[in-house]
N, C-alpha and C. Protein backbone atom coordinates (compact mmCIF):
# COMPACT_ATOMS: atom_id res chain seq x y z
N UNK A 1 16.80 2.09 -41.31
CA UNK A 1 16.92 1.29 -42.52
C UNK A 1 18.37 1.09 -42.91
N UNK A 2 19.14 2.17 -42.89
CA UNK A 2 20.56 2.12 -43.19
C UNK A 2 21.32 2.59 -41.96
N UNK A 3 22.29 1.81 -41.54
CA UNK A 3 23.05 2.11 -40.34
C UNK A 3 24.53 2.19 -40.67
N UNK A 4 25.20 3.14 -40.04
CA UNK A 4 26.63 3.32 -40.21
C UNK A 4 27.32 3.11 -38.86
N UNK A 5 28.40 2.36 -38.88
CA UNK A 5 29.17 2.11 -37.67
C UNK A 5 30.60 2.58 -37.91
N UNK A 6 31.06 3.52 -37.09
CA UNK A 6 32.38 4.09 -37.22
C UNK A 6 33.32 3.54 -36.15
N UNK A 7 34.60 3.56 -36.46
CA UNK A 7 35.61 3.16 -35.50
C UNK A 7 36.95 3.78 -35.90
N UNK A 8 37.90 3.77 -34.98
CA UNK A 8 39.25 4.18 -35.30
C UNK A 8 39.72 5.48 -34.70
N UNK A 9 38.85 6.23 -34.06
CA UNK A 9 39.26 7.47 -33.45
C UNK A 9 40.14 7.24 -32.23
N UNK A 10 40.73 8.31 -31.75
CA UNK A 10 41.58 8.20 -30.59
C UNK A 10 42.37 9.45 -30.32
N UNK A 11 43.32 9.33 -29.40
CA UNK A 11 44.19 10.43 -29.00
C UNK A 11 45.59 10.17 -29.51
N UNK A 12 46.13 11.13 -30.25
CA UNK A 12 47.49 11.02 -30.78
C UNK A 12 48.21 12.35 -30.63
N UNK A 13 49.53 12.28 -30.70
CA UNK A 13 50.34 13.49 -30.68
C UNK A 13 50.44 14.09 -32.07
N UNK A 14 50.74 15.36 -32.13
CA UNK A 14 50.93 16.02 -33.42
C UNK A 14 51.96 15.26 -34.25
N UNK A 15 51.64 15.08 -35.52
CA UNK A 15 52.50 14.32 -36.41
C UNK A 15 52.14 12.85 -36.50
N UNK A 16 51.26 12.40 -35.65
CA UNK A 16 50.86 11.00 -35.65
C UNK A 16 49.81 10.70 -36.69
N UNK A 17 49.33 9.44 -36.67
CA UNK A 17 48.39 8.97 -37.67
C UNK A 17 47.26 8.18 -37.03
N UNK A 18 46.13 8.18 -37.70
CA UNK A 18 44.98 7.37 -37.34
C UNK A 18 44.32 6.87 -38.62
N UNK A 19 43.56 5.80 -38.49
CA UNK A 19 42.80 5.27 -39.60
C UNK A 19 41.36 5.06 -39.15
N UNK A 20 40.43 5.74 -39.78
CA UNK A 20 39.02 5.64 -39.46
C UNK A 20 38.32 4.70 -40.44
N UNK A 21 37.35 3.97 -39.93
CA UNK A 21 36.57 3.07 -40.75
C UNK A 21 35.09 3.33 -40.54
N UNK A 22 34.31 3.10 -41.58
CA UNK A 22 32.86 3.26 -41.51
C UNK A 22 32.22 2.20 -42.39
N UNK A 23 31.40 1.36 -41.79
CA UNK A 23 30.72 0.30 -42.51
C UNK A 23 29.22 0.57 -42.54
N UNK A 24 28.64 0.50 -43.72
CA UNK A 24 27.21 0.70 -43.90
C UNK A 24 26.50 -0.64 -44.01
N UNK A 25 25.34 -0.72 -43.39
CA UNK A 25 24.56 -1.94 -43.45
C UNK A 25 23.08 -1.60 -43.56
N UNK A 26 22.29 -2.57 -43.99
CA UNK A 26 20.87 -2.38 -44.19
C UNK A 26 20.46 -2.84 -45.57
N UNK A 27 19.25 -2.47 -45.95
CA UNK A 27 18.74 -2.88 -47.26
C UNK A 27 19.24 -1.94 -48.35
N UNK A 28 20.54 -1.93 -48.51
CA UNK A 28 21.18 -1.02 -49.45
C UNK A 28 21.14 -1.60 -50.85
N UNK A 29 20.66 -0.81 -51.78
CA UNK A 29 20.65 -1.20 -53.18
C UNK A 29 21.91 -0.71 -53.89
N UNK A 30 22.28 0.52 -53.61
CA UNK A 30 23.48 1.07 -54.20
C UNK A 30 23.94 2.27 -53.38
N UNK A 31 25.23 2.56 -53.47
CA UNK A 31 25.82 3.72 -52.82
C UNK A 31 26.54 4.55 -53.87
N UNK A 32 26.25 5.84 -53.92
CA UNK A 32 26.95 6.67 -54.89
C UNK A 32 28.02 7.57 -54.27
N UNK A 33 27.89 7.91 -52.99
CA UNK A 33 28.89 8.74 -52.33
C UNK A 33 29.09 8.25 -50.90
N UNK A 34 30.34 8.17 -50.48
CA UNK A 34 30.70 7.94 -49.09
C UNK A 34 31.74 8.98 -48.71
N UNK A 35 31.63 9.52 -47.51
CA UNK A 35 32.57 10.55 -47.13
C UNK A 35 32.67 10.76 -45.65
N UNK A 36 33.48 11.75 -45.31
CA UNK A 36 33.74 12.10 -43.92
C UNK A 36 33.58 13.59 -43.71
N UNK A 37 32.89 13.94 -42.65
CA UNK A 37 32.78 15.31 -42.18
C UNK A 37 33.36 15.38 -40.77
N UNK A 38 33.64 16.59 -40.32
CA UNK A 38 34.11 16.75 -38.95
C UNK A 38 33.53 18.02 -38.35
N UNK A 39 33.46 18.02 -37.03
CA UNK A 39 32.94 19.16 -36.30
C UNK A 39 33.74 19.35 -35.02
N UNK A 40 34.42 20.48 -34.93
CA UNK A 40 35.17 20.84 -33.74
C UNK A 40 34.27 21.65 -32.81
N UNK A 41 34.60 21.71 -31.53
CA UNK A 41 33.78 22.49 -30.60
C UNK A 41 33.61 23.93 -31.05
N UNK A 42 32.38 24.40 -31.05
CA UNK A 42 32.10 25.76 -31.43
C UNK A 42 32.14 26.06 -32.91
N UNK A 43 32.23 25.03 -33.74
CA UNK A 43 32.29 25.22 -35.19
C UNK A 43 31.16 24.47 -35.89
N UNK A 44 30.98 24.79 -37.16
CA UNK A 44 30.02 24.08 -37.98
C UNK A 44 30.65 22.81 -38.55
N UNK A 45 29.81 21.84 -38.83
CA UNK A 45 30.29 20.63 -39.45
C UNK A 45 30.77 20.94 -40.87
N UNK A 46 31.93 20.39 -41.23
CA UNK A 46 32.51 20.66 -42.52
C UNK A 46 32.94 19.37 -43.21
N UNK A 47 32.94 19.42 -44.53
CA UNK A 47 33.38 18.27 -45.31
C UNK A 47 34.89 18.12 -45.22
N UNK A 48 35.33 16.89 -44.99
CA UNK A 48 36.74 16.56 -44.99
C UNK A 48 37.14 15.93 -46.32
N UNK A 49 36.41 14.89 -46.70
CA UNK A 49 36.70 14.19 -47.95
C UNK A 49 35.52 13.31 -48.30
N UNK A 50 35.35 13.04 -49.58
CA UNK A 50 34.37 12.06 -50.00
C UNK A 50 34.85 11.35 -51.26
N UNK A 51 34.19 10.26 -51.57
CA UNK A 51 34.56 9.45 -52.73
C UNK A 51 33.30 8.87 -53.34
N UNK A 52 33.23 8.87 -54.66
CA UNK A 52 32.09 8.30 -55.36
C UNK A 52 32.28 6.81 -55.59
N UNK A 53 31.21 6.15 -56.01
CA UNK A 53 31.30 4.74 -56.33
C UNK A 53 32.35 4.48 -57.41
N UNK A 54 32.48 5.42 -58.34
CA UNK A 54 33.45 5.27 -59.40
C UNK A 54 34.87 5.61 -59.01
N UNK A 55 35.08 6.12 -57.79
CA UNK A 55 36.42 6.37 -57.31
C UNK A 55 36.88 7.82 -57.35
N UNK A 56 36.04 8.73 -57.76
CA UNK A 56 36.40 10.14 -57.76
C UNK A 56 36.46 10.67 -56.34
N UNK A 57 37.57 11.31 -55.97
CA UNK A 57 37.75 11.80 -54.61
C UNK A 57 37.72 13.32 -54.56
N UNK A 58 37.38 13.82 -53.39
CA UNK A 58 37.32 15.25 -53.14
C UNK A 58 37.82 15.51 -51.73
N UNK A 59 38.71 16.49 -51.57
CA UNK A 59 39.30 16.79 -50.27
C UNK A 59 39.18 18.26 -49.93
N UNK A 60 39.00 18.54 -48.65
CA UNK A 60 39.12 19.91 -48.19
C UNK A 60 40.56 20.36 -48.35
N UNK A 61 40.76 21.65 -48.66
CA UNK A 61 42.11 22.15 -48.86
C UNK A 61 43.00 21.93 -47.64
N UNK A 62 42.42 21.99 -46.46
CA UNK A 62 43.19 21.89 -45.23
C UNK A 62 43.78 20.51 -44.99
N UNK A 63 43.29 19.49 -45.69
CA UNK A 63 43.76 18.13 -45.46
C UNK A 63 44.43 17.52 -46.67
N UNK A 64 44.46 18.21 -47.79
CA UNK A 64 45.08 17.68 -48.99
C UNK A 64 46.55 17.36 -48.73
N UNK A 65 46.96 16.19 -49.17
CA UNK A 65 48.33 15.76 -48.97
C UNK A 65 48.58 15.07 -47.66
N UNK A 66 47.63 15.13 -46.74
CA UNK A 66 47.79 14.50 -45.43
C UNK A 66 46.79 13.37 -45.20
N UNK A 67 45.56 13.56 -45.66
CA UNK A 67 44.52 12.55 -45.47
C UNK A 67 44.26 11.84 -46.79
N UNK A 68 43.86 10.58 -46.69
CA UNK A 68 43.52 9.80 -47.87
C UNK A 68 42.23 9.04 -47.62
N UNK A 69 41.28 9.20 -48.52
CA UNK A 69 40.01 8.49 -48.41
C UNK A 69 40.03 7.31 -49.38
N UNK A 70 39.46 6.21 -48.97
CA UNK A 70 39.35 5.04 -49.82
C UNK A 70 38.08 4.28 -49.46
N UNK A 71 37.69 3.38 -50.34
CA UNK A 71 36.47 2.62 -50.07
C UNK A 71 36.55 1.23 -50.67
N UNK A 72 35.78 0.35 -50.08
CA UNK A 72 35.62 -1.01 -50.56
C UNK A 72 34.15 -1.16 -50.90
N UNK A 73 33.82 -1.05 -52.17
CA UNK A 73 32.42 -1.08 -52.58
C UNK A 73 31.74 -2.41 -52.24
N UNK A 74 32.49 -3.49 -52.32
CA UNK A 74 31.92 -4.80 -52.03
C UNK A 74 31.50 -4.93 -50.57
N UNK A 75 32.18 -4.21 -49.69
CA UNK A 75 31.89 -4.27 -48.26
C UNK A 75 31.11 -3.06 -47.76
N UNK A 76 30.77 -2.14 -48.66
CA UNK A 76 30.08 -0.91 -48.27
C UNK A 76 30.81 -0.20 -47.13
N UNK A 77 32.11 -0.10 -47.27
CA UNK A 77 32.95 0.46 -46.23
C UNK A 77 33.82 1.57 -46.80
N UNK A 78 33.98 2.64 -46.03
CA UNK A 78 34.84 3.74 -46.41
C UNK A 78 35.87 3.95 -45.30
N UNK A 79 37.08 4.34 -45.69
CA UNK A 79 38.17 4.55 -44.76
C UNK A 79 38.72 5.96 -44.91
N UNK A 80 39.30 6.45 -43.86
CA UNK A 80 40.02 7.71 -43.91
C UNK A 80 41.34 7.55 -43.18
N UNK A 81 42.43 7.66 -43.92
CA UNK A 81 43.76 7.61 -43.34
C UNK A 81 44.20 9.03 -43.03
N UNK A 82 44.46 9.30 -41.77
CA UNK A 82 44.85 10.63 -41.32
C UNK A 82 46.33 10.61 -40.94
N UNK A 83 47.15 11.27 -41.72
CA UNK A 83 48.58 11.35 -41.46
C UNK A 83 48.97 12.78 -41.14
N UNK A 84 50.14 12.92 -40.53
CA UNK A 84 50.67 14.24 -40.17
C UNK A 84 49.64 15.09 -39.46
N UNK A 85 49.02 14.50 -38.47
CA UNK A 85 47.93 15.17 -37.77
C UNK A 85 48.40 16.42 -37.03
N UNK A 86 47.52 17.40 -37.02
CA UNK A 86 47.76 18.67 -36.35
C UNK A 86 46.69 18.88 -35.29
N UNK A 87 46.97 19.70 -34.27
CA UNK A 87 45.95 19.98 -33.27
C UNK A 87 44.65 20.54 -33.86
N UNK A 88 44.73 21.27 -34.96
CA UNK A 88 43.53 21.82 -35.58
C UNK A 88 42.66 20.74 -36.20
N UNK A 89 43.17 19.52 -36.34
CA UNK A 89 42.37 18.41 -36.83
C UNK A 89 41.47 17.82 -35.76
N UNK A 90 41.65 18.24 -34.53
CA UNK A 90 40.84 17.73 -33.42
C UNK A 90 39.37 18.03 -33.67
N UNK A 91 38.55 17.00 -33.66
CA UNK A 91 37.13 17.14 -33.95
C UNK A 91 36.46 15.78 -33.81
N UNK A 92 35.14 15.80 -33.84
CA UNK A 92 34.38 14.58 -34.00
C UNK A 92 34.20 14.35 -35.50
N UNK A 93 34.57 13.18 -35.96
CA UNK A 93 34.50 12.85 -37.37
C UNK A 93 33.28 11.97 -37.63
N UNK A 94 32.48 12.36 -38.61
CA UNK A 94 31.24 11.68 -38.93
C UNK A 94 31.29 11.10 -40.33
N UNK A 95 30.92 9.87 -40.43
CA UNK A 95 30.79 9.22 -41.72
C UNK A 95 29.46 9.60 -42.36
N UNK A 96 29.47 9.74 -43.68
CA UNK A 96 28.28 10.10 -44.44
C UNK A 96 28.17 9.19 -45.65
N UNK A 97 26.96 8.67 -45.87
CA UNK A 97 26.73 7.80 -47.01
C UNK A 97 25.45 8.23 -47.71
N UNK A 98 25.50 8.25 -49.03
CA UNK A 98 24.36 8.63 -49.85
C UNK A 98 24.15 7.56 -50.91
N UNK A 99 22.90 7.13 -51.05
CA UNK A 99 22.64 6.10 -52.04
C UNK A 99 21.17 5.76 -52.13
N UNK A 100 20.89 4.50 -52.41
CA UNK A 100 19.53 4.02 -52.58
C UNK A 100 19.34 2.74 -51.77
N UNK A 101 18.24 2.67 -51.05
CA UNK A 101 17.88 1.45 -50.34
C UNK A 101 16.52 0.98 -50.83
N UNK A 102 16.12 -0.19 -50.40
CA UNK A 102 14.85 -0.76 -50.83
C UNK A 102 13.92 -0.97 -49.65
N UNK A 103 12.66 -0.71 -49.88
CA UNK A 103 11.61 -1.02 -48.91
C UNK A 103 10.69 -2.08 -49.50
N UNK A 104 10.08 -2.85 -48.62
CA UNK A 104 9.23 -3.95 -49.05
C UNK A 104 7.83 -3.76 -48.49
N UNK A 105 6.83 -3.70 -49.37
CA UNK A 105 5.46 -3.52 -48.96
C UNK A 105 4.63 -4.79 -48.95
N UNK A 106 5.29 -5.93 -49.09
CA UNK A 106 4.59 -7.20 -49.09
C UNK A 106 4.40 -7.81 -50.46
N UNK A 107 4.57 -6.99 -51.49
CA UNK A 107 4.40 -7.47 -52.86
C UNK A 107 5.62 -7.20 -53.74
N UNK A 108 6.29 -6.13 -53.47
CA UNK A 108 7.43 -5.76 -54.28
C UNK A 108 8.35 -4.84 -53.49
N UNK A 109 9.57 -4.73 -53.96
CA UNK A 109 10.54 -3.83 -53.36
C UNK A 109 10.51 -2.49 -54.09
N UNK A 110 10.64 -1.44 -53.32
CA UNK A 110 10.63 -0.09 -53.85
C UNK A 110 11.94 0.62 -53.52
N UNK A 111 12.61 1.17 -54.52
CA UNK A 111 13.86 1.89 -54.24
C UNK A 111 13.57 3.27 -53.66
N UNK A 112 14.40 3.67 -52.72
CA UNK A 112 14.28 4.98 -52.09
C UNK A 112 15.66 5.58 -51.89
N UNK A 113 15.80 6.86 -52.20
CA UNK A 113 17.05 7.55 -51.94
C UNK A 113 17.25 7.75 -50.45
N UNK A 114 18.48 7.75 -50.01
CA UNK A 114 18.77 7.98 -48.60
C UNK A 114 20.09 8.70 -48.44
N UNK A 115 20.25 9.31 -47.29
CA UNK A 115 21.55 9.73 -46.80
C UNK A 115 21.58 9.43 -45.31
N UNK A 116 22.73 9.00 -44.84
CA UNK A 116 22.83 8.52 -43.48
C UNK A 116 24.14 8.99 -42.85
N UNK A 117 24.09 9.24 -41.55
CA UNK A 117 25.24 9.70 -40.79
C UNK A 117 25.64 8.68 -39.74
N UNK A 118 26.93 8.55 -39.55
CA UNK A 118 27.44 7.72 -38.48
C UNK A 118 27.31 8.41 -37.14
N UNK A 119 27.64 7.68 -36.08
CA UNK A 119 27.48 8.21 -34.73
C UNK A 119 28.59 9.19 -34.34
N UNK A 120 29.65 9.23 -35.10
CA UNK A 120 30.78 10.10 -34.82
C UNK A 120 31.85 9.39 -34.02
N UNK A 121 33.10 9.70 -34.35
CA UNK A 121 34.23 9.17 -33.60
C UNK A 121 35.19 10.33 -33.30
N UNK A 122 35.65 10.38 -32.06
CA UNK A 122 36.47 11.50 -31.61
C UNK A 122 37.92 11.32 -32.03
N UNK A 123 38.47 12.36 -32.64
CA UNK A 123 39.89 12.43 -32.95
C UNK A 123 40.46 13.61 -32.18
N UNK A 124 41.44 13.34 -31.34
CA UNK A 124 42.07 14.38 -30.54
C UNK A 124 43.57 14.36 -30.80
N UNK A 125 44.11 15.51 -31.18
CA UNK A 125 45.53 15.64 -31.49
C UNK A 125 46.14 16.61 -30.50
N UNK A 126 47.10 16.15 -29.73
CA UNK A 126 47.75 16.98 -28.73
C UNK A 126 48.96 17.68 -29.31
N UNK A 127 49.33 18.81 -28.72
CA UNK A 127 50.48 19.58 -29.18
C UNK A 127 51.78 18.92 -28.77
């Protein structure tokens, strides 16, 4: 029902930068939170940053001052600017979206809460 498409990952040297994008599509009625998680080999998935529809942001302590999350509500798109990258930032980054979509039963539309994950994009930072 709701699909997320990520892009922007790649291989960079320490100190470099990347910009990740995630676009949500489908029968979306509203989005209240968009964010980014990451998972390195042998670790649990962890929150990197998220942003509400109203613009309130939240960052993991490890990325504060280096990463910036932003969103375009009109396009249902969230971005993550990764600056001053370190080897410890190496991980698969997953987009996350939480909101409401609509289903149609032939007579009326029904709102339903959802959360959706992107396919993941690899970020690799070399020493």
